[in-house]
C-alpha atoms as a PDB file:
ATOM      1  CA  MET A   1      39.720  25.990 -38.459  1.00  0.00           C
ATOM      2  CA  ASN A   2      39.123  22.245 -38.334  1.00  0.00           C
ATOM      3  CA  LEU A   3      35.363  22.071 -38.802  1.00  0.00           C
ATOM      4  CA  GLN A   4      35.198  18.313 -38.346  1.00  0.00           C
ATOM      5  CA  GLN A   5      36.948  18.557 -34.973  1.00  0.00           C
ATOM      6  CA  LEU A   6      34.694  21.406 -33.875  1.00  0.00           C
ATOM      7  CA  THR A   7      31.561  19.533 -34.931  1.00  0.00           C
ATOM      8  CA  GLU A   8      32.618  16.338 -33.155  1.00  0.00           C
ATOM      9  CA  THR A   9      33.507  18.223 -29.979  1.00  0.00           C
ATOM     10  CA  ALA A  10      30.215  20.130 -29.915  1.00  0.00           C
ATOM     11  CA  ALA A  11      28.272  16.901 -30.446  1.00  0.00           C
ATOM     12  CA  ALA A  12      30.132  15.229 -27.558  1.00  0.00           C
ATOM     13  CA  MET A  13      29.338  18.142 -25.234  1.00  0.00           C
ATOM     14  CA  VAL A  14      25.588  17.726 -25.795  1.00  0.00           C
ATOM     15  CA  ALA A  15      25.428  13.963 -26.367  1.00  0.00           C
ATOM     16  CA  PRO A  16      22.084  12.293 -25.523  1.00  0.00           C
ATOM     17  CA  GLY A  17      21.429  12.392 -21.788  1.00  0.00           C
ATOM     18  CA  LYS A  18      24.450  14.583 -21.087  1.00  0.00           C
ATOM     19  CA  GLY A  19      24.856  18.248 -20.206  1.00  0.00           C
ATOM     20  CA  ILE A  20      27.545  20.722 -19.220  1.00  0.00           C
ATOM     21  CA  LEU A  21      28.778  21.371 -15.683  1.00  0.00           C
ATOM     22  CA  ALA A  22      29.475  25.083 -15.164  1.00  0.00           C
ATOM     23  CA  MET A  23      32.234  25.057 -12.522  1.00  0.00           C
ATOM     24  CA  ASP A  24      33.839  28.271 -13.752  1.00  0.00           C
ATOM     25  CA  GLU A  25      32.967  30.650 -10.922  1.00  0.00           C
ATOM     26  CA  SER A  26      35.422  33.526 -10.678  1.00  0.00           C
ATOM     27  CA  HIS A  27      37.285  34.090  -7.403  1.00  0.00           C
ATOM     28  CA  PRO A  28      34.793  36.738  -6.171  1.00  0.00           C
ATOM     29  CA  THR A  29      31.757  34.548  -6.989  1.00  0.00           C
ATOM     30  CA  CYS A  30      33.227  31.365  -5.528  1.00  0.00           C
ATOM     31  CA  ASN A  31      34.453  33.178  -2.442  1.00  0.00           C
ATOM     32  CA  LYS A  32      31.049  34.783  -1.922  1.00  0.00           C
ATOM     33  CA  ARG A  33      29.361  31.377  -1.951  1.00  0.00           C
ATOM     34  CA  PHE A  34      31.992  29.954   0.399  1.00  0.00           C
ATOM     35  CA  SER A  35      31.602  32.886   2.777  1.00  0.00           C
ATOM     36  CA  LYS A  36      27.844  32.332   3.083  1.00  0.00           C
ATOM     37  CA  LEU A  37      28.618  28.865   4.455  1.00  0.00           C
ATOM     38  CA  GLY A  38      31.530  29.992   6.594  1.00  0.00           C
ATOM     39  CA  ILE A  39      34.106  28.223   4.402  1.00  0.00           C
ATOM     40  CA  PRO A  40      37.556  29.911   4.336  1.00  0.00           C
ATOM     41  CA  THR A  41      38.136  31.480   0.895  1.00  0.00           C
ATOM     42  CA  THR A  42      41.509  29.962   0.039  1.00  0.00           C
ATOM     43  CA  GLU A  43      43.079  28.538  -3.107  1.00  0.00           C
ATOM     44  CA  ALA A  44      43.414  25.180  -1.353  1.00  0.00           C
ATOM     45  CA  ASN A  45      39.685  25.080  -0.557  1.00  0.00           C
ATOM     46  CA  ARG A  46      38.719  26.009  -4.113  1.00  0.00           C
ATOM     47  CA  ARG A  47      40.933  23.176  -5.377  1.00  0.00           C
ATOM     48  CA  GLU A  48      39.488  20.666  -2.895  1.00  0.00           C
ATOM     49  CA  TYR A  49      35.959  21.722  -3.762  1.00  0.00           C
ATOM     50  CA  ARG A  50      36.459  21.292  -7.487  1.00  0.00           C
ATOM     51  CA  HIS A  51      38.204  17.967  -6.918  1.00  0.00           C
ATOM     52  CA  MET A  52      35.057  16.850  -5.096  1.00  0.00           C
ATOM     53  CA  LEU A  53      32.839  17.847  -8.039  1.00  0.00           C
ATOM     54  CA  LEU A  54      34.702  15.445 -10.326  1.00  0.00           C
ATOM     55  CA  LYS A  55      35.481  12.661  -7.864  1.00  0.00           C
ATOM     56  CA  GLU A  56      32.813  10.165  -8.945  1.00  0.00           C
ATOM     57  CA  ASP A  57      33.708   8.221 -12.103  1.00  0.00           C
ATOM     58  CA  GLU A  58      30.009   8.001 -13.017  1.00  0.00           C
ATOM     59  CA  MET A  59      29.905  11.764 -13.675  1.00  0.00           C
ATOM     60  CA  GLY A  60      30.962  11.040 -17.248  1.00  0.00           C
ATOM     61  CA  GLN A  61      27.645   9.263 -17.833  1.00  0.00           C
ATOM     62  CA  TYR A  62      25.696  12.502 -17.391  1.00  0.00           C
ATOM     63  CA  ILE A  63      28.185  15.303 -18.075  1.00  0.00           C
ATOM     64  CA  GLY A  64      29.500  15.933 -21.589  1.00  0.00           C
ATOM     65  CA  GLY A  65      31.554  19.055 -20.870  1.00  0.00           C
ATOM     66  CA  ALA A  66      32.806  21.026 -17.871  1.00  0.00           C
ATOM     67  CA  ILE A  67      33.603  24.746 -17.891  1.00  0.00           C
ATOM     68  CA  LEU A  68      36.669  25.587 -15.786  1.00  0.00           C
ATOM     69  CA  PHE A  69      38.018  28.859 -14.443  1.00  0.00           C
ATOM     70  CA  ASP A  70      41.600  29.875 -15.341  1.00  0.00           C
ATOM     71  CA  GLU A  71      42.894  28.856 -11.896  1.00  0.00           C
ATOM     72  CA  THR A  72      41.321  25.388 -12.095  1.00  0.00           C
ATOM     73  CA  LEU A  73      42.671  24.648 -15.563  1.00  0.00           C
ATOM     74  CA  ARG A  74      46.183  25.231 -14.173  1.00  0.00           C
ATOM     75  CA  GLN A  75      45.616  23.170 -11.006  1.00  0.00           C
ATOM     76  CA  THR A  76      45.743  19.462 -10.278  1.00  0.00           C
ATOM     77  CA  THR A  77      43.213  17.352  -8.392  1.00  0.00           C
ATOM     78  CA  LEU A  78      44.066  16.193  -4.889  1.00  0.00           C
ATOM     79  CA  ASN A  79      45.460  13.095  -6.610  1.00  0.00           C
ATOM     80  CA  GLY A  80      47.967  15.221  -8.524  1.00  0.00           C
ATOM     81  CA  LYS A  81      46.257  14.926 -11.914  1.00  0.00           C
ATOM     82  CA  PRO A  82      45.671  18.085 -14.011  1.00  0.00           C
ATOM     83  CA  PHE A  83      41.952  18.892 -14.033  1.00  0.00           C
ATOM     84  CA  ALA A  84      41.824  18.761 -17.834  1.00  0.00           C
ATOM     85  CA  GLU A  85      43.348  15.273 -17.701  1.00  0.00           C
ATOM     86  CA  ARG A  86      40.836  14.144 -15.071  1.00  0.00           C
ATOM     87  CA  LEU A  87      37.967  15.378 -17.221  1.00  0.00           C
ATOM     88  CA  THR A  88      39.293  13.609 -20.300  1.00  0.00           C
ATOM     89  CA  GLU A  89      39.661  10.427 -18.228  1.00  0.00           C
ATOM     90  CA  LEU A  90      35.947  10.700 -17.369  1.00  0.00           C
ATOM     91  CA  GLY A  91      34.992  11.224 -21.012  1.00  0.00           C
ATOM     92  CA  ILE A  92      34.115  14.876 -20.314  1.00  0.00           C
ATOM     93  CA  VAL A  93      35.307  17.635 -22.667  1.00  0.00           C
ATOM     94  CA  PRO A  94      37.349  20.285 -20.764  1.00  0.00           C
ATOM     95  CA  GLY A  95      36.358  23.911 -21.340  1.00  0.00           C
ATOM     96  CA  ILE A  96      37.325  27.366 -20.106  1.00  0.00           C
ATOM     97  CA  LYS A  97      35.581  30.652 -19.264  1.00  0.00           C
ATOM     98  CA  VAL A  98      37.319  33.407 -21.237  1.00  0.00           C
ATOM     99  CA  ASP A  99      35.289  36.605 -20.832  1.00  0.00           C
ATOM    100  CA  LYS A 100      36.460  39.352 -18.462  1.00  0.00           C
ATOM    101  CA  GLY A 101      33.049  40.078 -17.025  1.00  0.00           C
ATOM    102  CA  ALA A 102      30.170  42.460 -17.678  1.00  0.00           C
ATOM    103  CA  LYS A 103      30.982  46.173 -17.351  1.00  0.00           C
ATOM    104  CA  ASP A 104      28.811  49.276 -17.557  1.00  0.00           C
ATOM    105  CA  LEU A 105      27.849  50.122 -21.129  1.00  0.00           C
ATOM    106  CA  ALA A 106      28.854  53.727 -21.847  1.00  0.00           C
ATOM    107  CA  LEU A 107      25.942  56.186 -22.120  1.00  0.00           C
ATOM    108  CA  HIS A 108      23.418  53.455 -21.235  1.00  0.00           C
ATOM    109  CA  PRO A 109      22.645  53.479 -17.505  1.00  0.00           C
ATOM    110  CA  GLY A 110      21.643  50.113 -16.076  1.00  0.00           C
ATOM    111  CA  GLU A 111      23.050  48.135 -19.008  1.00  0.00           C
ATOM    112  CA  LYS A 112      26.170  46.011 -19.369  1.00  0.00           C
ATOM    113  CA  VAL A 113      28.558  44.840 -22.077  1.00  0.00           C
ATOM    114  CA  THR A 114      31.017  41.990 -21.648  1.00  0.00           C
ATOM    115  CA  GLU A 115      34.724  42.720 -22.041  1.00  0.00           C
ATOM    116  CA  GLY A 116      37.667  40.482 -22.870  1.00  0.00           C
ATOM    117  CA  LEU A 117      38.294  40.581 -26.622  1.00  0.00           C
ATOM    118  CA  ASP A 118      41.689  42.291 -26.308  1.00  0.00           C
ATOM    119  CA  GLY A 119      44.391  39.617 -26.283  1.00  0.00           C
ATOM    120  CA  LEU A 120      41.826  36.832 -26.567  1.00  0.00           C
ATOM    121  CA  ARG A 121      43.526  35.107 -29.520  1.00  0.00           C
ATOM    122  CA  ASP A 122      46.698  34.564 -27.488  1.00  0.00           C
ATOM    123  CA  ARG A 123      44.787  33.411 -24.431  1.00  0.00           C
ATOM    124  CA  LEU A 124      42.818  30.901 -26.482  1.00  0.00           C
ATOM    125  CA  ALA A 125      46.029  29.466 -27.926  1.00  0.00           C
ATOM    126  CA  GLU A 126      47.397  28.958 -24.408  1.00  0.00           C
ATOM    127  CA  TYR A 127      44.169  27.391 -23.161  1.00  0.00           C
ATOM    128  CA  TYR A 128      44.185  24.945 -26.063  1.00  0.00           C
ATOM    129  CA  GLU A 129      47.707  23.887 -25.082  1.00  0.00           C
ATOM    130  CA  LEU A 130      46.531  23.432 -21.481  1.00  0.00           C
ATOM    131  CA  GLY A 131      43.866  20.992 -22.682  1.00  0.00           C
ATOM    132  CA  ALA A 132      40.713  23.062 -23.193  1.00  0.00           C
ATOM    133  CA  ARG A 133      38.585  22.157 -26.220  1.00  0.00           C
ATOM    134  CA  PHE A 134      35.773  24.659 -25.807  1.00  0.00           C
ATOM    135  CA  ALA A 135      35.279  28.107 -24.292  1.00  0.00           C
ATOM    136  CA  LYS A 136      32.472  30.157 -22.789  1.00  0.00           C
ATOM    137  CA  TRP A 137      31.546  33.850 -22.970  1.00  0.00           C
ATOM    138  CA  ARG A 138      28.579  35.313 -21.085  1.00  0.00           C
ATOM    139  CA  ALA A 139      26.651  38.426 -22.058  1.00  0.00           C
ATOM    140  CA  VAL A 140      24.161  39.958 -19.617  1.00  0.00           C
ATOM    141  CA  ILE A 141      20.881  41.551 -20.713  1.00  0.00           C
ATOM    142  CA  THR A 142      18.743  43.304 -18.087  1.00  0.00           C
ATOM    143  CA  ILE A 143      14.986  43.802 -18.366  1.00  0.00           C
ATOM    144  CA  GLY A 144      13.865  47.097 -16.862  1.00  0.00           C
ATOM    145  CA  GLU A 145      12.168  50.407 -17.530  1.00  0.00           C
ATOM    146  CA  GLY A 146      13.036  51.225 -21.162  1.00  0.00           C
ATOM    147  CA  ILE A 147      15.741  48.544 -21.360  1.00  0.00           C
ATOM    148  CA  PRO A 148      17.282  46.622 -22.953  1.00  0.00           C
ATOM    149  CA  SER A 149      18.175  49.135 -25.633  1.00  0.00           C
ATOM    150  CA  GLU A 150      19.010  48.165 -29.181  1.00  0.00           C
ATOM    151  CA  ALA A 151      22.527  49.452 -28.518  1.00  0.00           C
ATOM    152  CA  CYS A 152      22.964  46.991 -25.647  1.00  0.00           C
ATOM    153  CA  LEU A 153      21.635  44.058 -27.641  1.00  0.00           C
ATOM    154  CA  MET A 154      23.891  44.842 -30.592  1.00  0.00           C
ATOM    155  CA  ALA A 155      27.030  45.503 -28.536  1.00  0.00           C
ATOM    156  CA  ASN A 156      26.727  42.181 -26.743  1.00  0.00           C
ATOM    157  CA  ALA A 157      25.758  40.216 -29.847  1.00  0.00           C
ATOM    158  CA  HIS A 158      28.737  41.623 -31.742  1.00  0.00           C
ATOM    159  CA  ALA A 159      31.134  40.769 -28.911  1.00  0.00           C
ATOM    160  CA  LEU A 160      29.746  37.229 -28.674  1.00  0.00           C
ATOM    161  CA  ALA A 161      30.161  36.743 -32.423  1.00  0.00           C
ATOM    162  CA  ARG A 162      33.740  38.038 -32.490  1.00  0.00           C
ATOM    163  CA  TYR A 163      34.598  35.802 -29.538  1.00  0.00           C
ATOM    164  CA  ALA A 164      33.010  32.804 -31.273  1.00  0.00           C
ATOM    165  CA  ALA A 165      34.963  33.431 -34.469  1.00  0.00           C
ATOM    166  CA  LEU A 166      38.254  33.641 -32.544  1.00  0.00           C
ATOM    167  CA  CYS A 167      37.425  30.383 -30.749  1.00  0.00           C
ATOM    168  CA  GLN A 168      36.759  28.513 -33.965  1.00  0.00           C
ATOM    169  CA  GLU A 169      39.940  29.898 -35.498  1.00  0.00           C
ATOM    170  CA  MET A 170      41.767  28.181 -32.591  1.00  0.00           C
ATOM    171  CA  ASN A 171      39.677  24.959 -32.868  1.00  0.00           C
ATOM    172  CA  LEU A 172      37.803  25.645 -29.656  1.00  0.00           C
ATOM    173  CA  VAL A 173      34.014  25.211 -29.655  1.00  0.00           C
ATOM    174  CA  PRO A 174      32.388  28.469 -28.467  1.00  0.00           C
ATOM    175  CA  ILE A 175      29.563  28.345 -25.968  1.00  0.00           C
ATOM    176  CA  VAL A 176      27.562  31.464 -26.811  1.00  0.00           C
ATOM    177  CA  GLU A 177      25.678  32.724 -23.747  1.00  0.00           C
ATOM    178  CA  PRO A 178      23.285  35.674 -24.152  1.00  0.00           C
ATOM    179  CA  GLU A 179      21.688  35.645 -20.694  1.00  0.00           C
ATOM    180  CA  VAL A 180      18.540  37.651 -20.200  1.00  0.00           C
ATOM    181  CA  LEU A 181      18.350  38.134 -16.438  1.00  0.00           C
ATOM    182  CA  MET A 182      15.080  37.143 -14.806  1.00  0.00           C
ATOM    183  CA  ASP A 183      15.298  39.553 -11.875  1.00  0.00           C
ATOM    184  CA  GLY A 184      12.230  41.764 -11.755  1.00  0.00           C
ATOM    185  CA  THR A 185       8.439  41.768 -11.904  1.00  0.00           C
ATOM    186  CA  HIS A 186       8.079  41.307 -15.674  1.00  0.00           C
ATOM    187  CA  THR A 187       5.707  38.749 -17.154  1.00  0.00           C
ATOM    188  CA  ILE A 188       6.646  35.707 -19.203  1.00  0.00           C
ATOM    189  CA  GLU A 189       5.421  37.610 -22.267  1.00  0.00           C
ATOM    190  CA  ARG A 190       8.035  40.324 -21.661  1.00  0.00           C
ATOM    191  CA  SER A 191      10.649  37.644 -21.033  1.00  0.00           C
ATOM    192  CA  TYR A 192       9.802  36.073 -24.399  1.00  0.00           C
ATOM    193  CA  GLU A 193      10.003  39.422 -26.192  1.00  0.00           C
ATOM    194  CA  VAL A 194      13.476  40.286 -24.853  1.00  0.00           C
ATOM    195  CA  THR A 195      14.874  36.753 -25.152  1.00  0.00           C
ATOM    196  CA  HIS A 196      13.692  36.577 -28.766  1.00  0.00           C
ATOM    197  CA  ALA A 197      15.322  39.932 -29.575  1.00  0.00           C
ATOM    198  CA  ALA A 198      18.600  38.951 -27.884  1.00  0.00           C
ATOM    199  CA  GLN A 199      18.869  35.597 -29.628  1.00  0.00           C
ATOM    200  CA  GLN A 200      17.897  37.056 -32.994  1.00  0.00           C
ATOM    201  CA  SER A 201      20.647  39.692 -32.679  1.00  0.00           C
ATOM    202  CA  VAL A 202      23.194  37.057 -31.718  1.00  0.00           C
ATOM    203  CA  PHE A 203      22.527  34.807 -34.692  1.00  0.00           C
ATOM    204  CA  GLU A 204      22.565  37.756 -37.089  1.00  0.00           C
ATOM    205  CA  GLN A 205      26.017  38.694 -35.790  1.00  0.00           C
ATOM    206  CA  LEU A 206      27.275  35.094 -35.807  1.00  0.00           C
ATOM    207  CA  ASP A 207      26.325  34.951 -39.473  1.00  0.00           C
ATOM    208  CA  GLU A 208      28.105  38.259 -40.175  1.00  0.00           C
ATOM    209  CA  GLN A 209      31.302  36.914 -38.580  1.00  0.00           C
ATOM    210  CA  GLY A 210      31.157  33.612 -40.484  1.00  0.00           C
ATOM    211  CA  VAL A 211      30.826  31.382 -37.413  1.00  0.00           C
ATOM    212  CA  ALA A 212      30.146  27.724 -38.254  1.00  0.00           C
ATOM    213  CA  LEU A 213      26.907  26.957 -36.423  1.00  0.00           C
ATOM    214  CA  ALA A 214      27.564  23.195 -36.363  1.00  0.00           C
ATOM    215  CA  GLY A 215      30.650  23.875 -34.238  1.00  0.00           C
ATOM    216  CA  MET A 216      29.056  25.912 -31.421  1.00  0.00           C
ATOM    217  CA  VAL A 217      26.650  25.482 -28.509  1.00  0.00           C
ATOM    218  CA  LEU A 218      24.017  28.031 -27.442  1.00  0.00           C
ATOM    219  CA  LYS A 219      23.621  28.658 -23.693  1.00  0.00           C
ATOM    220  CA  PRO A 220      20.440  30.710 -23.251  1.00  0.00           C
ATOM    221  CA  ASN A 221      18.101  31.477 -20.386  1.00  0.00           C
ATOM    222  CA  MET A 222      14.761  29.745 -20.261  1.00  0.00           C
ATOM    223  CA  VAL A 223      11.747  31.945 -20.934  1.00  0.00           C
ATOM    224  CA  VAL A 224      10.358  32.327 -17.423  1.00  0.00           C
ATOM    225  CA  SER A 225       8.478  35.053 -15.558  1.00  0.00           C
ATOM    226  CA  GLY A 226      10.469  37.589 -13.586  1.00  0.00           C
ATOM    227  CA  TYR A 227      11.250  36.151 -10.178  1.00  0.00           C
ATOM    228  CA  GLU A 228       9.205  38.902  -8.482  1.00  0.00           C
ATOM    229  CA  CYS A 229       6.283  38.616 -10.900  1.00  0.00           C
ATOM    230  CA  PRO A 230       3.050  38.218  -8.873  1.00  0.00           C
ATOM    231  CA  GLN A 231       1.707  35.593 -11.313  1.00  0.00           C
ATOM    232  CA  ARG A 232       4.541  33.347 -12.414  1.00  0.00           C
ATOM    233  CA  ALA A 233       4.086  31.002 -15.353  1.00  0.00           C
ATOM    234  CA  ASP A 234       3.887  27.274 -14.626  1.00  0.00           C
ATOM    235  CA  VAL A 235       6.285  24.584 -15.836  1.00  0.00           C
ATOM    236  CA  HIS A 236       4.253  23.723 -18.943  1.00  0.00           C
ATOM    237  CA  GLN A 237       3.998  27.348 -20.094  1.00  0.00           C
ATOM    238  CA  VAL A 238       7.731  27.890 -19.563  1.00  0.00           C
ATOM    239  CA  ALA A 239       8.442  24.836 -21.720  1.00  0.00           C
ATOM    240  CA  GLU A 240       6.075  25.986 -24.465  1.00  0.00           C
ATOM    241  CA  GLU A 241       7.328  29.565 -24.585  1.00  0.00           C
ATOM    242  CA  THR A 242      11.002  28.584 -24.480  1.00  0.00           C
ATOM    243  CA  ILE A 243      10.611  26.139 -27.370  1.00  0.00           C
ATOM    244  CA  ARG A 244       8.561  28.681 -29.324  1.00  0.00           C
ATOM    245  CA  CYS A 245      11.333  31.254 -28.873  1.00  0.00           C
ATOM    246  CA  LEU A 246      14.097  28.856 -29.890  1.00  0.00           C
ATOM    247  CA  SER A 247      12.130  27.671 -32.924  1.00  0.00           C
ATOM    248  CA  SER A 248      11.934  31.214 -34.272  1.00  0.00           C
ATOM    249  CA  THR A 249      15.552  32.260 -33.579  1.00  0.00           C
ATOM    250  CA  VAL A 250      17.918  29.250 -33.556  1.00  0.00           C
ATOM    251  CA  PRO A 251      19.001  27.751 -36.904  1.00  0.00           C
ATOM    252  CA  GLU A 252      18.724  23.996 -37.314  1.00  0.00           C
ATOM    253  CA  ALA A 253      22.494  23.670 -37.814  1.00  0.00           C
ATOM    254  CA  VAL A 254      23.167  24.377 -34.112  1.00  0.00           C
ATOM    255  CA  PRO A 255      23.774  20.974 -32.473  1.00  0.00           C
ATOM    256  CA  GLY A 256      22.657  21.801 -28.961  1.00  0.00           C
ATOM    257  CA  VAL A 257      21.013  24.264 -26.609  1.00  0.00           C
ATOM    258  CA  ALA A 258      22.381  23.987 -23.058  1.00  0.00           C
ATOM    259  CA  PHE A 259      20.259  26.100 -20.727  1.00  0.00           C
ATOM    260  CA  LEU A 260      21.622  28.100 -17.822  1.00  0.00           C
ATOM    261  CA  SER A 261      19.689  27.757 -14.568  1.00  0.00           C
ATOM    262  CA  GLY A 262      19.713  31.498 -13.853  1.00  0.00           C
ATOM    263  CA  GLY A 263      18.770  31.437 -10.190  1.00  0.00           C
ATOM    264  CA  GLN A 264      16.152  28.677 -10.378  1.00  0.00           C
ATOM    265  CA  THR A 265      16.068  26.083  -7.620  1.00  0.00           C
ATOM    266  CA  ASP A 266      17.689  22.714  -8.308  1.00  0.00           C
ATOM    267  CA  GLU A 267      14.447  20.848  -8.916  1.00  0.00           C
ATOM    268  CA  GLU A 268      12.758  23.734 -10.743  1.00  0.00           C
ATOM    269  CA  ALA A 269      15.573  23.840 -13.320  1.00  0.00           C
ATOM    270  CA  THR A 270      15.330  20.056 -13.739  1.00  0.00           C
ATOM    271  CA  GLU A 271      11.541  20.101 -14.115  1.00  0.00           C
ATOM    272  CA  HIS A 272      11.640  22.859 -16.745  1.00  0.00           C
ATOM    273  CA  LEU A 273      14.245  21.023 -18.814  1.00  0.00           C
ATOM    274  CA  ASN A 274      12.323  17.776 -18.549  1.00  0.00           C
ATOM    275  CA  ALA A 275       9.074  19.448 -19.622  1.00  0.00           C
ATOM    276  CA  MET A 276      10.742  20.828 -22.738  1.00  0.00           C
ATOM    277  CA  ASN A 277      12.119  17.448 -23.747  1.00  0.00           C
ATOM    278  CA  ALA A 278       8.824  15.721 -22.991  1.00  0.00           C
ATOM    279  CA  LEU A 279       6.993  18.325 -25.063  1.00  0.00           C
ATOM    280  CA  GLY A 280       9.570  19.010 -27.730  1.00  0.00           C
ATOM    281  CA  GLY A 281       8.927  16.272 -30.245  1.00  0.00           C
ATOM    282  CA  ASN A 282      11.262  16.234 -33.227  1.00  0.00           C
ATOM    283  CA  LEU A 283      13.394  19.319 -32.552  1.00  0.00           C
ATOM    284  CA  PRO A 284      16.520  19.952 -34.676  1.00  0.00           C
ATOM    285  CA  TRP A 285      18.806  20.582 -31.682  1.00  0.00           C
ATOM    286  CA  ARG A 286      19.347  18.771 -28.389  1.00  0.00           C
ATOM    287  CA  LEU A 287      17.951  20.514 -25.320  1.00  0.00           C
ATOM    288  CA  THR A 288      20.136  20.004 -22.280  1.00  0.00           C
ATOM    289  CA  PHE A 289      21.642  21.793 -19.278  1.00  0.00           C
ATOM    290  CA  SER A 290      24.661  23.902 -18.454  1.00  0.00           C
ATOM    291  CA  TYR A 291      24.019  24.520 -14.787  1.00  0.00           C
ATOM    292  CA  GLY A 292      26.213  25.973 -12.070  1.00  0.00           C
ATOM    293  CA  ARG A 293      24.391  26.467  -8.789  1.00  0.00           C
ATOM    294  CA  ALA A 294      21.530  24.131  -9.781  1.00  0.00           C
ATOM    295  CA  LEU A 295      24.079  21.301  -9.944  1.00  0.00           C
ATOM    296  CA  GLN A 296      26.510  22.391  -7.244  1.00  0.00           C
ATOM    297  CA  GLN A 297      24.688  24.107  -4.386  1.00  0.00           C
ATOM    298  CA  ALA A 298      23.571  21.017  -2.475  1.00  0.00           C
ATOM    299  CA  ALA A 299      27.001  19.444  -2.913  1.00  0.00           C
ATOM    300  CA  MET A 300      28.748  22.597  -1.666  1.00  0.00           C
ATOM    301  CA  GLN A 301      26.582  22.547   1.444  1.00  0.00           C
ATOM    302  CA  ALA A 302      27.276  18.847   1.983  1.00  0.00           C
ATOM    303  CA  TRP A 303      31.044  19.395   1.658  1.00  0.00           C
ATOM    304  CA  ASN A 304      31.092  22.601   3.753  1.00  0.00           C
ATOM    305  CA  GLY A 305      34.873  22.944   3.556  1.00  0.00           C
ATOM    306  CA  ASP A 306      35.505  19.651   5.386  1.00  0.00           C
ATOM    307  CA  ALA A 307      37.700  17.065   3.623  1.00  0.00           C
ATOM    308  CA  GLY A 308      35.875  14.362   5.577  1.00  0.00           C
ATOM    309  CA  ASN A 309      32.686  15.211   3.670  1.00  0.00           C
ATOM    310  CA  ILE A 310      34.148  14.831   0.162  1.00  0.00           C
ATOM    311  CA  ASP A 311      32.824  11.327  -0.503  1.00  0.00           C
ATOM    312  CA  HIS A 312      29.267  12.195   0.550  1.00  0.00           C
ATOM    313  CA  ALA A 313      29.249  15.548  -1.272  1.00  0.00           C
ATOM    314  CA  ALA A 314      30.537  13.889  -4.466  1.00  0.00           C
ATOM    315  CA  LYS A 315      27.514  11.580  -4.398  1.00  0.00           C
ATOM    316  CA  VAL A 316      25.217  14.582  -3.928  1.00  0.00           C
ATOM    317  CA  ILE A 317      26.392  16.239  -7.143  1.00  0.00           C
ATOM    318  CA  LEU A 318      26.327  12.893  -8.934  1.00  0.00           C
ATOM    319  CA  HIS A 319      22.654  12.618  -8.017  1.00  0.00           C
ATOM    320  CA  ARG A 320      21.886  16.062  -9.449  1.00  0.00           C
ATOM    321  CA  ALA A 321      23.822  15.228 -12.611  1.00  0.00           C
ATOM    322  CA  LYS A 322      21.817  12.020 -12.944  1.00  0.00           C
ATOM    323  CA  MET A 323      18.503  13.857 -12.461  1.00  0.00           C
ATOM    324  CA  ASN A 324      19.361  16.401 -15.136  1.00  0.00           C
ATOM    325  CA  GLY A 325      20.647  13.686 -17.445  1.00  0.00           C
ATOM    326  CA  ALA A 326      17.200  12.112 -17.177  1.00  0.00           C
ATOM    327  CA  ALA A 327      15.568  15.508 -17.812  1.00  0.00           C
ATOM    328  CA  ALA A 328      17.681  15.897 -20.963  1.00  0.00           C
ATOM    329  CA  ARG A 329      15.907  12.770 -22.227  1.00  0.00           C
ATOM    330  CA  GLY A 330      12.461  13.810 -20.985  1.00  0.00           C
ATOM    331  CA  ALA A 331      12.546  10.904 -18.504  1.00  0.00           C
ATOM    332  CA  TYR A 332      12.722  12.753 -15.161  1.00  0.00           C
ATOM    333  CA  LYS A 333      10.057  12.200 -12.494  1.00  0.00           C
ATOM    334  CA  PRO A 334       9.949  14.030  -9.133  1.00  0.00           C
ATOM    335  CA  GLU A 335       9.748  10.721  -7.267  1.00  0.00           C
ATOM    336  CA  MET A 336      13.285   9.976  -8.505  1.00  0.00           C
ATOM    337  CA  GLU A 337      14.448  12.611  -5.999  1.00  0.00           C
ATOM    338  CA  GLN A 338      12.887  10.685  -3.110  1.00  0.00           C
ATOM    339  CA  ALA A 339      14.325   7.397  -4.303  1.00  0.00           C
ATOM    340  CA  ALA A 340      17.784   8.872  -3.925  1.00  0.00           C
END
């Protein structure tokens, strides 16, 4: 393990005013989103779409890292350049999704555990050779009647920690993603309780496995009310509760916290991030974004599977990247959306 390399890479991924573009949708997820817009679900269309996401040279001003799917890491842009090479050219660190997805947790109905540890060491070695310098693994925690169980929290935390250790052994920065899903009617207080428990379990397991915290990035959910909650918390309360949770679970050695958007609207995710940075004061870690849909959705709609729309769609995602880059500095204002 080259700790200096890991530390430098992690710092570059969450540099001031920069976040992480999550463009690692699996085939089923990407195809589902294409199908909703009537876009043919072909390899050629997935390649064209991801080329569009990285077309604008200015993306490197607001994006520090980009998470790729296995297919994309092996593809070239429409200009014939490997995607990892294009990212490096933009000053963006190339990364790779390595988990095999969330599966039913045995004897625990309604709960999931993420698989993919078998053979991971060999896969990480190959991904490093293909140009990746960080990886991502997502765990899924559901809030419901009597869940999450301690067994679910521990199983996912242990898997995340073992994955992170394997990554660092191969000089890949691990993005550690314990996502507490916000589907449901639960209050922000319940969201805080479960998010706190999940993050606490994760850092206990990371410590057990000897993971170097300076060479990782945390990708958590924000502490928000359940999306069906009749009285949802406002932007300021979300910012306060999320920072309070992080302050009691995340060690100071972690260089950055890159939030997932988790089903929030584009502007909602930007406003929440901005509120945290405006409120945060002198926090030990950078607060930034690692968004998928909240960066891509408008651009996907603008592209709509038509090569003639690439230039316009590329400017749409550049705008969202710019807005979130401003939010990562606490400098976002809603009127900036209208100016665009």
